[in-house]
């Protein structure tokens, strides 16, 4: 299962992520509403766990924008306030469920399981770009009837790039999103993993490549035939 967590409390976001990882779920974590809306708009997630009080765009507005864009991914709203008016507002915006902080691990997991049951257990397990397919369950790249398992960091970088093919990610972006805010990873770490991925794409004869935008960052591109 592929889950997006949108939470500005870094410690809580990491805690929620670890809870999901303990169940072998795949998680992306962002810390403001604008990024949350962009990630969720990719449509690759099975469930979105969305805080209400967020910088740049609150959870209500994120929910409204996603629903107006016909993104039907189940949304669980998080809030520190147990106000009926907030719950009604969130549900009216298009959220599917509501969870008041603090909550238990078991309750969170039960709510997520309930969300997938309501949607008929339709789980997104593959994403693609060009002739490249990334299996989200097995960490496997598939192309031209060939397949190859990749490492965790390679997987996370490729998943981010495939999910946002038109977006250019700086090295700082990748460090923050893949290694985390508190990581000591440096630009060289990004360069090494991008090099690994490029070699594997070439080995698979994929028409997908990671292009470098000078002094800006990386994005996916299709090779010219």
N, C-alpha and C. Protein backbone atom coordinates (compact mmCIF):
# COMPACT_ATOMS: atom_id res chain seq x y z
N UNK A 1 0.84 -1.19 0.00
CA UNK A 1 0.00 0.00 0.00
C UNK A 1 0.89 1.25 0.00
N UNK A 2 0.48 2.24 -0.76
CA UNK A 2 1.27 3.46 -0.94
C UNK A 2 0.54 4.61 -0.25
N UNK A 3 1.17 5.21 0.76
CA UNK A 3 0.49 6.21 1.60
C UNK A 3 1.26 7.52 1.58
N UNK A 4 0.51 8.62 1.46
CA UNK A 4 1.08 9.96 1.56
C UNK A 4 0.74 10.54 2.93
N UNK A 5 1.77 11.02 3.64
CA UNK A 5 1.59 11.66 4.94
C UNK A 5 1.91 13.14 4.77
N UNK A 6 0.95 14.00 5.13
CA UNK A 6 1.15 15.45 5.05
C UNK A 6 1.00 15.99 6.47
N UNK A 7 2.13 16.27 7.10
CA UNK A 7 2.14 16.66 8.51
C UNK A 7 3.35 17.55 8.78
N UNK A 8 3.12 18.75 9.36
CA UNK A 8 4.22 19.69 9.56
C UNK A 8 5.01 19.43 10.84
N UNK A 9 4.49 18.63 11.75
CA UNK A 9 5.23 18.23 12.94
C UNK A 9 6.20 17.11 12.53
N UNK A 10 7.48 17.43 12.47
CA UNK A 10 8.46 16.48 11.93
C UNK A 10 8.52 15.18 12.72
N UNK A 11 8.44 15.29 14.04
CA UNK A 11 8.53 14.09 14.87
C UNK A 11 7.29 13.22 14.68
N UNK A 12 6.11 13.84 14.67
CA UNK A 12 4.88 13.07 14.46
C UNK A 12 4.86 12.45 13.07
N UNK A 13 5.29 13.21 12.07
CA UNK A 13 5.32 12.67 10.70
C UNK A 13 6.21 11.44 10.63
N UNK A 14 7.37 11.50 11.28
CA UNK A 14 8.29 10.36 11.27
C UNK A 14 7.69 9.17 12.03
N UNK A 15 6.99 9.46 13.12
CA UNK A 15 6.36 8.40 13.90
C UNK A 15 5.28 7.68 13.09
N UNK A 16 4.44 8.46 12.41
CA UNK A 16 3.39 7.87 11.57
C UNK A 16 4.01 7.03 10.46
N UNK A 17 5.06 7.56 9.86
CA UNK A 17 5.75 6.82 8.79
C UNK A 17 6.28 5.49 9.28
N UNK A 18 6.88 5.47 10.47
CA UNK A 18 7.41 4.23 11.02
C UNK A 18 6.30 3.23 11.32
N UNK A 19 5.14 3.73 11.76
CA UNK A 19 4.00 2.84 12.00
C UNK A 19 3.60 2.13 10.71
N UNK A 20 3.52 2.90 9.62
CA UNK A 20 3.13 2.30 8.34
C UNK A 20 4.21 1.37 7.80
N UNK A 21 5.47 1.75 7.97
CA UNK A 21 6.56 0.90 7.49
C UNK A 21 6.59 -0.43 8.23
N UNK A 22 6.16 -0.43 9.49
CA UNK A 22 6.12 -1.68 10.26
C UNK A 22 5.12 -2.67 9.66
N UNK A 23 4.19 -2.14 8.85
CA UNK A 23 3.20 -2.98 8.16
C UNK A 23 3.58 -3.23 6.70
N UNK A 24 4.82 -2.85 6.35
CA UNK A 24 5.34 -3.01 4.99
C UNK A 24 4.64 -2.07 3.99
N UNK A 25 4.05 -0.98 4.48
CA UNK A 25 3.48 0.02 3.60
C UNK A 25 4.58 0.95 3.11
N UNK A 26 4.38 1.53 1.94
CA UNK A 26 5.32 2.50 1.38
C UNK A 26 4.81 3.90 1.68
N UNK A 27 5.68 4.78 2.16
CA UNK A 27 5.25 6.11 2.59
C UNK A 27 6.05 7.21 1.91
N UNK A 28 5.36 8.29 1.58
CA UNK A 28 5.99 9.56 1.25
C UNK A 28 5.56 10.55 2.31
N UNK A 29 6.47 11.43 2.73
CA UNK A 29 6.16 12.41 3.77
C UNK A 29 6.49 13.80 3.26
N UNK A 30 5.54 14.72 3.37
CA UNK A 30 5.78 16.14 3.08
C UNK A 30 5.24 16.95 4.25
N UNK A 31 5.69 18.22 4.34
CA UNK A 31 5.45 18.97 5.57
C UNK A 31 4.69 20.27 5.38
N UNK A 32 4.12 20.49 4.20
CA UNK A 32 3.26 21.66 4.02
C UNK A 32 2.15 21.32 3.02
N UNK A 33 1.10 22.14 3.04
CA UNK A 33 -0.06 21.85 2.21
C UNK A 33 0.20 21.92 0.73
N UNK A 34 1.06 22.84 0.32
CA UNK A 34 1.35 23.00 -1.12
C UNK A 34 2.00 21.73 -1.67
N UNK A 35 3.03 21.23 -0.97
CA UNK A 35 3.67 20.00 -1.41
C UNK A 35 2.70 18.82 -1.34
N UNK A 36 1.88 18.81 -0.28
CA UNK A 36 0.91 17.74 -0.14
C UNK A 36 -0.05 17.68 -1.31
N UNK A 37 -0.51 18.85 -1.75
CA UNK A 37 -1.44 18.91 -2.88
C UNK A 37 -0.76 18.43 -4.16
N UNK A 38 0.49 18.83 -4.37
CA UNK A 38 1.23 18.43 -5.57
C UNK A 38 1.46 16.92 -5.59
N UNK A 39 1.89 16.37 -4.48
CA UNK A 39 2.14 14.92 -4.42
C UNK A 39 0.84 14.15 -4.62
N UNK A 40 -0.19 14.56 -3.90
CA UNK A 40 -1.47 13.83 -3.97
C UNK A 40 -2.08 13.88 -5.36
N UNK A 41 -1.82 14.97 -6.09
CA UNK A 41 -2.39 15.13 -7.43
C UNK A 41 -1.84 14.11 -8.42
N UNK A 42 -0.74 13.44 -8.07
CA UNK A 42 -0.19 12.40 -8.95
C UNK A 42 -1.14 11.21 -9.06
N UNK A 43 -2.01 11.04 -8.05
CA UNK A 43 -2.97 9.93 -8.08
C UNK A 43 -2.40 8.57 -7.79
N UNK A 44 -1.16 8.49 -7.30
CA UNK A 44 -0.53 7.18 -7.11
C UNK A 44 -0.76 6.60 -5.71
N UNK A 45 -1.38 7.38 -4.84
CA UNK A 45 -1.51 6.93 -3.45
C UNK A 45 -2.82 6.21 -3.20
N UNK A 46 -2.76 5.27 -2.26
CA UNK A 46 -3.95 4.51 -1.87
C UNK A 46 -4.71 5.20 -0.73
N UNK A 47 -3.98 5.92 0.12
CA UNK A 47 -4.56 6.67 1.23
C UNK A 47 -3.70 7.91 1.47
N UNK A 48 -4.36 9.02 1.84
CA UNK A 48 -3.66 10.24 2.22
C UNK A 48 -3.99 10.55 3.68
N UNK A 49 -2.96 10.69 4.52
CA UNK A 49 -3.13 11.11 5.90
C UNK A 49 -2.73 12.57 5.97
N UNK A 50 -3.70 13.44 6.23
CA UNK A 50 -3.55 14.88 6.00
C UNK A 50 -3.87 15.68 7.26
N UNK A 51 -2.87 16.40 7.78
CA UNK A 51 -3.11 17.29 8.90
C UNK A 51 -3.92 18.49 8.43
N UNK A 52 -4.70 19.08 9.34
CA UNK A 52 -5.49 20.25 8.97
C UNK A 52 -4.66 21.53 9.05
N UNK A 53 -3.95 21.72 10.17
CA UNK A 53 -3.19 22.95 10.37
C UNK A 53 -1.81 22.80 9.74
N UNK A 54 -1.68 23.30 8.51
CA UNK A 54 -0.44 23.18 7.75
C UNK A 54 0.00 24.54 7.25
N UNK A 55 1.32 24.74 7.08
CA UNK A 55 1.79 25.98 6.44
C UNK A 55 1.49 25.97 4.94
N UNK A 56 1.36 27.15 4.37
CA UNK A 56 1.16 27.40 2.94
C UNK A 56 -0.26 27.08 2.44
N UNK A 57 -0.86 26.00 2.94
CA UNK A 57 -2.22 25.64 2.53
C UNK A 57 -2.77 24.66 3.56
N UNK A 58 -3.91 24.97 4.16
CA UNK A 58 -4.40 24.06 5.21
C UNK A 58 -5.05 22.81 4.60
N UNK A 59 -5.30 21.85 5.47
CA UNK A 59 -5.81 20.57 5.01
C UNK A 59 -7.18 20.66 4.36
N UNK A 60 -8.00 21.60 4.81
CA UNK A 60 -9.31 21.78 4.18
C UNK A 60 -9.15 22.18 2.72
N UNK A 61 -8.26 23.14 2.47
CA UNK A 61 -8.07 23.62 1.09
C UNK A 61 -7.42 22.55 0.22
N UNK A 62 -6.47 21.81 0.79
CA UNK A 62 -5.87 20.70 0.04
C UNK A 62 -6.95 19.72 -0.39
N UNK A 63 -7.83 19.37 0.54
CA UNK A 63 -8.91 18.42 0.24
C UNK A 63 -9.83 18.97 -0.85
N UNK A 64 -10.20 20.24 -0.73
CA UNK A 64 -11.08 20.84 -1.74
C UNK A 64 -10.44 20.77 -3.13
N UNK A 65 -9.17 21.13 -3.21
CA UNK A 65 -8.50 21.16 -4.51
C UNK A 65 -8.38 19.77 -5.11
N UNK A 66 -8.09 18.79 -4.29
CA UNK A 66 -7.97 17.43 -4.80
C UNK A 66 -9.31 16.93 -5.32
N UNK A 67 -10.36 17.18 -4.57
CA UNK A 67 -11.68 16.72 -5.01
C UNK A 67 -12.15 17.47 -6.25
N UNK A 68 -11.82 18.75 -6.35
CA UNK A 68 -12.22 19.50 -7.55
C UNK A 68 -11.43 19.05 -8.77
N UNK A 69 -10.26 18.43 -8.52
CA UNK A 69 -9.44 17.88 -9.62
C UNK A 69 -9.76 16.42 -9.87
N UNK A 70 -10.81 15.92 -9.23
CA UNK A 70 -11.30 14.55 -9.41
C UNK A 70 -10.31 13.50 -8.89
N UNK A 71 -9.47 13.89 -7.91
CA UNK A 71 -8.63 12.92 -7.22
C UNK A 71 -9.47 12.27 -6.13
N UNK A 72 -9.71 10.97 -6.26
CA UNK A 72 -10.64 10.27 -5.37
C UNK A 72 -9.95 9.49 -4.27
N UNK A 73 -8.64 9.65 -4.12
CA UNK A 73 -7.90 8.93 -3.09
C UNK A 73 -8.52 9.19 -1.71
N UNK A 74 -8.75 8.15 -0.91
CA UNK A 74 -9.30 8.35 0.45
C UNK A 74 -8.39 9.25 1.29
N UNK A 75 -9.02 10.18 2.02
CA UNK A 75 -8.29 11.14 2.85
C UNK A 75 -8.72 11.00 4.30
N UNK A 76 -7.73 10.83 5.19
CA UNK A 76 -7.98 10.86 6.62
C UNK A 76 -7.40 12.17 7.15
N UNK A 77 -8.25 13.02 7.71
CA UNK A 77 -7.80 14.29 8.27
C UNK A 77 -7.34 14.12 9.72
N UNK A 78 -6.24 14.80 10.07
CA UNK A 78 -5.74 14.80 11.44
C UNK A 78 -5.92 16.19 12.05
N UNK A 79 -6.31 16.24 13.32
CA UNK A 79 -6.44 17.53 13.98
C UNK A 79 -6.18 17.37 15.47
N UNK A 80 -5.71 18.46 16.08
CA UNK A 80 -5.50 18.47 17.52
C UNK A 80 -6.76 18.87 18.26
N UNK A 81 -7.78 19.34 17.53
CA UNK A 81 -9.02 19.81 18.15
C UNK A 81 -10.17 18.84 17.87
N UNK A 82 -10.88 18.50 18.91
CA UNK A 82 -12.01 17.58 18.76
C UNK A 82 -13.30 18.38 18.65
N UNK A 83 -13.35 19.28 17.66
CA UNK A 83 -14.50 20.13 17.46
C UNK A 83 -15.40 19.54 16.38
N UNK A 84 -16.69 19.43 16.69
CA UNK A 84 -17.65 18.89 15.72
C UNK A 84 -17.66 19.73 14.45
N UNK A 85 -17.54 21.06 14.60
CA UNK A 85 -17.57 21.95 13.42
C UNK A 85 -16.42 21.66 12.47
N UNK A 86 -15.24 21.35 13.03
CA UNK A 86 -14.09 21.00 12.19
C UNK A 86 -14.35 19.69 11.45
N UNK A 87 -14.92 18.72 12.15
CA UNK A 87 -15.19 17.43 11.52
C UNK A 87 -16.19 17.59 10.38
N UNK A 88 -17.24 18.37 10.64
CA UNK A 88 -18.25 18.60 9.60
C UNK A 88 -17.62 19.31 8.40
N UNK A 89 -16.80 20.33 8.67
CA UNK A 89 -16.16 21.08 7.58
C UNK A 89 -15.26 20.17 6.75
N UNK A 90 -14.49 19.32 7.44
CA UNK A 90 -13.59 18.42 6.72
C UNK A 90 -14.33 17.42 5.85
N UNK A 91 -15.38 16.85 6.40
CA UNK A 91 -16.16 15.88 5.63
C UNK A 91 -16.88 16.55 4.47
N UNK A 92 -17.35 17.78 4.69
CA UNK A 92 -18.01 18.51 3.60
C UNK A 92 -17.03 18.88 2.49
N UNK A 93 -15.75 19.04 2.84
CA UNK A 93 -14.74 19.35 1.82
C UNK A 93 -14.41 18.13 0.96
N UNK A 94 -14.75 16.94 1.48
CA UNK A 94 -14.50 15.73 0.70
C UNK A 94 -13.63 14.70 1.38
N UNK A 95 -13.26 14.96 2.66
CA UNK A 95 -12.48 13.96 3.39
C UNK A 95 -13.35 12.74 3.69
N UNK A 96 -12.69 11.61 3.91
CA UNK A 96 -13.41 10.36 4.14
C UNK A 96 -13.47 9.98 5.61
N UNK A 97 -12.52 10.47 6.40
CA UNK A 97 -12.49 10.12 7.82
C UNK A 97 -11.73 11.20 8.58
N UNK A 98 -11.77 11.08 9.89
CA UNK A 98 -11.26 12.12 10.76
C UNK A 98 -10.62 11.46 11.97
N UNK A 99 -9.42 11.89 12.35
CA UNK A 99 -8.72 11.30 13.49
C UNK A 99 -8.19 12.43 14.37
N UNK A 100 -8.54 12.39 15.66
CA UNK A 100 -8.12 13.43 16.59
C UNK A 100 -6.83 13.04 17.30
N UNK A 101 -5.87 13.95 17.34
CA UNK A 101 -4.62 13.72 18.07
C UNK A 101 -4.87 13.89 19.57
N UNK A 102 -4.20 13.12 20.42
CA UNK A 102 -3.33 11.98 20.07
C UNK A 102 -4.16 10.74 19.74
N UNK A 103 -3.62 9.90 18.89
CA UNK A 103 -4.32 8.67 18.51
C UNK A 103 -3.36 7.50 18.68
N UNK A 104 -3.91 6.31 18.78
CA UNK A 104 -3.08 5.12 18.96
C UNK A 104 -2.67 4.55 17.61
N UNK A 105 -1.60 3.79 17.64
CA UNK A 105 -1.14 3.09 16.44
C UNK A 105 -2.24 2.19 15.88
N UNK A 106 -2.89 1.45 16.77
CA UNK A 106 -3.91 0.50 16.32
C UNK A 106 -5.09 1.20 15.67
N UNK A 107 -5.49 2.36 16.22
CA UNK A 107 -6.61 3.09 15.63
C UNK A 107 -6.26 3.62 14.25
N UNK A 108 -5.05 4.16 14.12
CA UNK A 108 -4.62 4.68 12.81
C UNK A 108 -4.62 3.58 11.76
N UNK A 109 -4.05 2.43 12.09
CA UNK A 109 -4.00 1.33 11.12
C UNK A 109 -5.39 0.81 10.79
N UNK A 110 -6.26 0.78 11.80
CA UNK A 110 -7.63 0.32 11.54
C UNK A 110 -8.36 1.27 10.60
N UNK A 111 -8.15 2.58 10.77
CA UNK A 111 -8.80 3.55 9.89
C UNK A 111 -8.31 3.38 8.46
N UNK A 112 -7.01 3.16 8.30
CA UNK A 112 -6.44 2.98 6.95
C UNK A 112 -7.00 1.71 6.30
N UNK A 113 -7.07 0.63 7.06
CA UNK A 113 -7.63 -0.61 6.51
C UNK A 113 -9.08 -0.40 6.10
N UNK A 114 -9.81 0.35 6.91
CA UNK A 114 -11.21 0.62 6.58
C UNK A 114 -11.33 1.42 5.29
N UNK A 115 -10.41 2.35 5.08
CA UNK A 115 -10.43 3.16 3.85
C UNK A 115 -10.27 2.27 2.62
N UNK A 116 -9.32 1.33 2.68
CA UNK A 116 -9.08 0.48 1.51
C UNK A 116 -10.25 -0.47 1.28
N UNK A 117 -10.93 -0.89 2.36
CA UNK A 117 -12.11 -1.75 2.18
C UNK A 117 -13.22 -0.98 1.47
N UNK A 118 -13.38 0.28 1.82
CA UNK A 118 -14.45 1.09 1.21
C UNK A 118 -14.21 1.29 -0.28
N UNK A 119 -12.95 1.33 -0.68
CA UNK A 119 -12.63 1.54 -2.09
C UNK A 119 -12.45 0.23 -2.83
N UNK A 120 -12.82 -0.88 -2.17
CA UNK A 120 -12.76 -2.17 -2.84
C UNK A 120 -11.36 -2.73 -2.96
N UNK A 121 -10.47 -2.29 -2.05
CA UNK A 121 -9.09 -2.78 -2.04
C UNK A 121 -8.39 -2.57 -3.38
N UNK A 122 -8.69 -1.46 -4.04
CA UNK A 122 -7.98 -1.13 -5.27
C UNK A 122 -6.65 -0.48 -4.88
N UNK A 123 -5.58 -1.23 -4.98
CA UNK A 123 -4.28 -0.75 -4.53
C UNK A 123 -3.38 -0.50 -5.74
N UNK A 124 -2.79 0.68 -5.78
CA UNK A 124 -1.88 1.01 -6.87
C UNK A 124 -0.52 0.39 -6.55
N UNK A 125 -0.07 -0.53 -7.39
CA UNK A 125 1.20 -1.19 -7.10
C UNK A 125 2.25 -0.99 -8.17
N UNK A 126 1.91 -0.25 -9.23
CA UNK A 126 2.90 0.03 -10.27
C UNK A 126 2.69 1.44 -10.81
N UNK A 127 3.80 2.11 -11.12
CA UNK A 127 3.74 3.40 -11.79
C UNK A 127 4.70 3.33 -12.98
N UNK A 128 4.48 4.17 -13.98
CA UNK A 128 5.28 4.06 -15.19
C UNK A 128 5.57 5.42 -15.80
N UNK A 129 6.61 5.42 -16.61
CA UNK A 129 6.96 6.59 -17.42
C UNK A 129 7.73 6.06 -18.63
N UNK A 130 7.34 6.50 -19.82
CA UNK A 130 7.97 5.95 -21.02
C UNK A 130 7.75 4.45 -21.06
N UNK A 131 8.81 3.70 -21.35
CA UNK A 131 8.68 2.24 -21.37
C UNK A 131 9.14 1.60 -20.06
N UNK A 132 9.24 2.42 -19.02
CA UNK A 132 9.74 1.96 -17.72
C UNK A 132 8.58 1.78 -16.74
N UNK A 133 8.57 0.65 -16.05
CA UNK A 133 7.56 0.37 -15.03
C UNK A 133 8.27 0.13 -13.70
N UNK A 134 7.80 0.81 -12.64
CA UNK A 134 8.36 0.61 -11.31
C UNK A 134 7.31 -0.10 -10.45
N UNK A 135 7.66 -1.30 -9.98
CA UNK A 135 6.76 -2.08 -9.13
C UNK A 135 6.96 -1.61 -7.68
N UNK A 136 5.91 -1.06 -7.09
CA UNK A 136 6.00 -0.47 -5.76
C UNK A 136 6.06 -1.50 -4.65
N UNK A 137 5.71 -2.74 -4.96
CA UNK A 137 5.74 -3.79 -3.94
C UNK A 137 7.06 -4.54 -3.90
N UNK A 138 7.66 -4.73 -5.06
CA UNK A 138 8.86 -5.58 -5.13
C UNK A 138 10.15 -4.81 -5.37
N UNK A 139 10.04 -3.45 -5.48
CA UNK A 139 11.24 -2.63 -5.76
C UNK A 139 11.91 -3.09 -7.06
N UNK A 140 11.09 -3.39 -8.05
CA UNK A 140 11.60 -3.92 -9.31
C UNK A 140 11.33 -2.96 -10.46
N UNK A 141 12.35 -2.75 -11.29
CA UNK A 141 12.20 -2.00 -12.53
C UNK A 141 11.92 -2.99 -13.65
N UNK A 142 10.95 -2.66 -14.52
CA UNK A 142 10.61 -3.52 -15.64
C UNK A 142 10.66 -2.71 -16.92
N UNK A 143 11.26 -3.31 -17.95
CA UNK A 143 11.37 -2.63 -19.24
C UNK A 143 11.73 -3.65 -20.32
N UNK A 144 10.99 -3.62 -21.43
CA UNK A 144 11.30 -4.49 -22.56
C UNK A 144 11.42 -5.96 -22.16
N UNK A 145 10.47 -6.44 -21.34
CA UNK A 145 10.43 -7.83 -20.90
C UNK A 145 11.64 -8.21 -20.05
N UNK A 146 12.30 -7.22 -19.50
CA UNK A 146 13.40 -7.48 -18.57
C UNK A 146 13.05 -6.80 -17.25
N UNK A 147 13.63 -7.31 -16.16
CA UNK A 147 13.37 -6.72 -14.85
C UNK A 147 14.64 -6.71 -14.02
N UNK A 148 14.66 -5.82 -13.03
CA UNK A 148 15.84 -5.65 -12.20
C UNK A 148 15.42 -5.07 -10.85
N UNK A 149 15.84 -5.71 -9.77
CA UNK A 149 15.58 -5.16 -8.45
C UNK A 149 16.55 -4.01 -8.16
N UNK A 150 16.05 -3.02 -7.46
CA UNK A 150 16.89 -1.87 -7.14
C UNK A 150 16.88 -1.63 -5.63
N UNK A 151 17.86 -0.86 -5.16
CA UNK A 151 17.98 -0.58 -3.74
C UNK A 151 16.94 0.42 -3.26
N UNK A 152 16.86 0.56 -1.94
CA UNK A 152 15.83 1.40 -1.34
C UNK A 152 15.93 2.86 -1.78
N UNK A 153 17.12 3.44 -1.71
CA UNK A 153 17.29 4.85 -2.08
C UNK A 153 17.04 5.06 -3.57
N UNK A 154 17.51 4.15 -4.39
CA UNK A 154 17.23 4.23 -5.83
C UNK A 154 15.73 4.19 -6.09
N UNK A 155 15.06 3.30 -5.37
CA UNK A 155 13.61 3.16 -5.51
C UNK A 155 12.90 4.47 -5.14
N UNK A 156 13.28 5.05 -4.01
CA UNK A 156 12.62 6.27 -3.53
C UNK A 156 12.84 7.43 -4.50
N UNK A 157 14.06 7.55 -5.04
CA UNK A 157 14.34 8.62 -5.99
C UNK A 157 13.53 8.43 -7.27
N UNK A 158 13.53 7.22 -7.79
CA UNK A 158 12.78 6.95 -9.03
C UNK A 158 11.28 7.13 -8.84
N UNK A 159 10.77 6.69 -7.70
CA UNK A 159 9.33 6.85 -7.43
C UNK A 159 8.96 8.33 -7.42
N UNK A 160 9.80 9.14 -6.82
CA UNK A 160 9.53 10.58 -6.77
C UNK A 160 9.58 11.19 -8.16
N UNK A 161 10.57 10.82 -8.96
CA UNK A 161 10.71 11.39 -10.30
C UNK A 161 9.60 10.92 -11.24
N UNK A 162 9.24 9.64 -11.17
CA UNK A 162 8.19 9.11 -12.04
C UNK A 162 6.83 9.72 -11.67
N UNK A 163 6.62 9.92 -10.38
CA UNK A 163 5.34 10.48 -9.93
C UNK A 163 5.19 11.96 -10.29
N UNK A 164 6.32 12.62 -10.54
CA UNK A 164 6.31 14.06 -10.86
C UNK A 164 7.23 14.31 -12.06
N UNK A 165 6.90 13.76 -13.22
CA UNK A 165 7.84 13.75 -14.35
C UNK A 165 8.17 15.13 -14.91
N UNK A 166 7.31 16.12 -14.70
CA UNK A 166 7.58 17.45 -15.24
C UNK A 166 8.32 18.34 -14.25
N UNK A 167 8.51 17.86 -13.04
CA UNK A 167 9.11 18.69 -11.99
C UNK A 167 10.60 18.47 -11.91
N UNK A 168 11.34 19.56 -11.73
CA UNK A 168 12.79 19.51 -11.54
C UNK A 168 13.07 19.52 -10.04
N UNK A 169 13.84 18.54 -9.57
CA UNK A 169 14.17 18.44 -8.15
C UNK A 169 15.63 18.79 -7.94
N UNK A 170 15.89 19.75 -7.07
CA UNK A 170 17.26 20.09 -6.73
C UNK A 170 17.86 19.00 -5.83
N UNK A 171 19.16 19.02 -5.68
CA UNK A 171 19.80 18.06 -4.77
C UNK A 171 19.30 18.25 -3.35
N UNK A 172 19.07 19.50 -2.97
CA UNK A 172 18.54 19.77 -1.64
C UNK A 172 17.13 19.17 -1.48
N UNK A 173 16.32 19.30 -2.53
CA UNK A 173 14.98 18.69 -2.50
C UNK A 173 15.07 17.19 -2.27
N UNK A 174 15.95 16.53 -3.02
CA UNK A 174 16.08 15.08 -2.94
C UNK A 174 16.60 14.65 -1.57
N UNK A 175 17.56 15.39 -1.04
CA UNK A 175 18.08 15.06 0.29
C UNK A 175 16.97 15.14 1.33
N UNK A 176 16.18 16.22 1.26
CA UNK A 176 15.10 16.42 2.23
C UNK A 176 14.03 15.35 2.10
N UNK A 177 13.63 15.04 0.88
CA UNK A 177 12.52 14.12 0.66
C UNK A 177 12.92 12.65 0.79
N UNK A 178 14.16 12.32 0.44
CA UNK A 178 14.59 10.91 0.45
C UNK A 178 15.34 10.55 1.74
N UNK A 179 16.26 11.41 2.15
CA UNK A 179 17.05 11.12 3.34
C UNK A 179 16.44 11.71 4.61
N UNK A 180 15.67 12.83 4.47
CA UNK A 180 15.02 13.44 5.63
C UNK A 180 15.70 14.72 6.08
N UNK A 181 14.94 15.56 6.77
CA UNK A 181 15.44 16.86 7.23
C UNK A 181 16.66 16.74 8.13
N UNK A 182 16.68 15.72 8.96
CA UNK A 182 17.74 15.60 9.97
C UNK A 182 18.95 14.81 9.46
N UNK A 183 18.92 14.43 8.20
CA UNK A 183 20.00 13.63 7.64
C UNK A 183 21.28 14.45 7.44
N UNK A 184 22.40 13.75 7.47
CA UNK A 184 23.69 14.38 7.19
C UNK A 184 24.13 14.11 5.75
N UNK A 185 23.21 13.62 4.92
CA UNK A 185 23.53 13.36 3.51
C UNK A 185 23.93 14.66 2.82
N UNK A 186 24.81 14.55 1.83
CA UNK A 186 25.31 15.71 1.09
C UNK A 186 25.04 15.55 -0.40
N UNK A 187 25.35 16.58 -1.17
CA UNK A 187 25.11 16.55 -2.62
C UNK A 187 25.73 15.32 -3.27
N UNK A 188 26.91 14.92 -2.78
CA UNK A 188 27.60 13.78 -3.38
C UNK A 188 26.77 12.50 -3.27
N UNK A 189 26.03 12.36 -2.17
CA UNK A 189 25.17 11.17 -2.03
C UNK A 189 24.13 11.11 -3.13
N UNK A 190 23.54 12.26 -3.45
CA UNK A 190 22.55 12.32 -4.52
C UNK A 190 23.20 11.97 -5.85
N UNK A 191 24.35 12.55 -6.13
CA UNK A 191 25.04 12.31 -7.40
C UNK A 191 25.35 10.83 -7.58
N UNK A 192 25.78 10.17 -6.51
CA UNK A 192 26.13 8.75 -6.58
C UNK A 192 24.90 7.91 -6.94
N UNK A 193 23.78 8.17 -6.27
CA UNK A 193 22.58 7.36 -6.52
C UNK A 193 21.97 7.65 -7.88
N UNK A 194 22.02 8.90 -8.32
CA UNK A 194 21.54 9.22 -9.67
C UNK A 194 22.39 8.49 -10.71
N UNK A 195 23.70 8.43 -10.47
CA UNK A 195 24.58 7.69 -11.38
C UNK A 195 24.23 6.21 -11.41
N UNK A 196 23.94 5.62 -10.24
CA UNK A 196 23.54 4.21 -10.17
C UNK A 196 22.27 3.98 -11.01
N UNK A 197 21.30 4.86 -10.84
CA UNK A 197 20.02 4.70 -11.54
C UNK A 197 20.22 4.82 -13.05
N UNK A 198 21.01 5.79 -13.47
CA UNK A 198 21.26 5.98 -14.90
C UNK A 198 21.88 4.72 -15.52
N UNK A 199 22.81 4.11 -14.82
CA UNK A 199 23.44 2.89 -15.33
C UNK A 199 22.42 1.76 -15.47
N UNK A 200 21.51 1.67 -14.52
CA UNK A 200 20.50 0.60 -14.57
C UNK A 200 19.48 0.85 -15.68
N UNK A 201 19.13 2.11 -15.90
CA UNK A 201 18.23 2.43 -17.01
C UNK A 201 18.87 2.07 -18.34
N UNK A 202 20.15 2.37 -18.47
CA UNK A 202 20.87 2.01 -19.70
C UNK A 202 20.95 0.49 -19.87
N UNK A 203 21.17 -0.21 -18.76
CA UNK A 203 21.27 -1.67 -18.81
C UNK A 203 19.97 -2.30 -19.29
N UNK A 204 18.85 -1.66 -18.94
CA UNK A 204 17.53 -2.17 -19.35
C UNK A 204 17.12 -1.68 -20.74
N UNK A 205 17.98 -0.86 -21.36
CA UNK A 205 17.67 -0.25 -22.66
C UNK A 205 16.37 0.56 -22.61
N UNK A 206 16.18 1.24 -21.50
CA UNK A 206 14.98 2.06 -21.35
C UNK A 206 15.11 3.34 -22.16
N UNK A 207 13.95 3.86 -22.59
CA UNK A 207 13.96 5.16 -23.28
C UNK A 207 13.83 6.31 -22.30
N UNK A 208 13.93 5.98 -21.01
CA UNK A 208 13.84 6.99 -19.95
C UNK A 208 15.25 7.33 -19.47
N UNK A 209 15.48 8.60 -19.24
CA UNK A 209 16.76 9.04 -18.71
C UNK A 209 16.53 10.11 -17.65
N UNK A 210 17.50 10.28 -16.76
CA UNK A 210 17.45 11.36 -15.78
C UNK A 210 18.30 12.50 -16.34
N UNK A 211 17.66 13.60 -16.65
CA UNK A 211 18.36 14.75 -17.21
C UNK A 211 18.78 15.71 -16.11
N UNK A 212 19.91 16.35 -16.31
CA UNK A 212 20.41 17.36 -15.38
C UNK A 212 20.12 18.74 -15.94
N UNK A 213 19.44 19.56 -15.16
CA UNK A 213 19.23 20.97 -15.51
C UNK A 213 20.30 21.75 -14.76
N UNK A 214 21.21 22.32 -15.49
CA UNK A 214 22.40 22.93 -14.90
C UNK A 214 22.04 23.93 -13.80
N UNK A 215 22.68 23.71 -12.66
CA UNK A 215 22.54 24.58 -11.48
C UNK A 215 21.13 24.58 -10.88
N UNK A 216 20.28 23.65 -11.36
CA UNK A 216 18.91 23.58 -10.81
C UNK A 216 18.65 22.20 -10.21
N UNK A 217 18.75 21.14 -11.03
CA UNK A 217 18.49 19.82 -10.47
C UNK A 217 18.24 18.77 -11.52
N UNK A 218 17.41 17.79 -11.19
CA UNK A 218 17.17 16.63 -12.04
C UNK A 218 15.69 16.47 -12.36
N UNK A 219 15.42 15.89 -13.53
CA UNK A 219 14.05 15.48 -13.87
C UNK A 219 14.11 14.35 -14.88
N UNK A 220 12.99 13.66 -15.06
CA UNK A 220 12.94 12.57 -16.03
C UNK A 220 12.73 13.12 -17.43
N UNK A 221 13.25 12.39 -18.39
CA UNK A 221 13.10 12.78 -19.78
C UNK A 221 13.09 11.51 -20.63
N UNK A 222 12.58 11.62 -21.84
CA UNK A 222 12.61 10.52 -22.78
C UNK A 222 13.71 10.75 -23.80
N UNK A 223 14.46 9.70 -24.09
CA UNK A 223 15.53 9.82 -25.07
C UNK A 223 14.96 10.07 -26.45
N UNK A 224 15.67 10.84 -27.22
CA UNK A 224 15.25 11.07 -28.61
C UNK A 224 15.59 9.84 -29.43
N UNK A 225 14.65 9.42 -30.27
CA UNK A 225 14.89 8.23 -31.10
C UNK A 225 15.57 8.60 -32.41
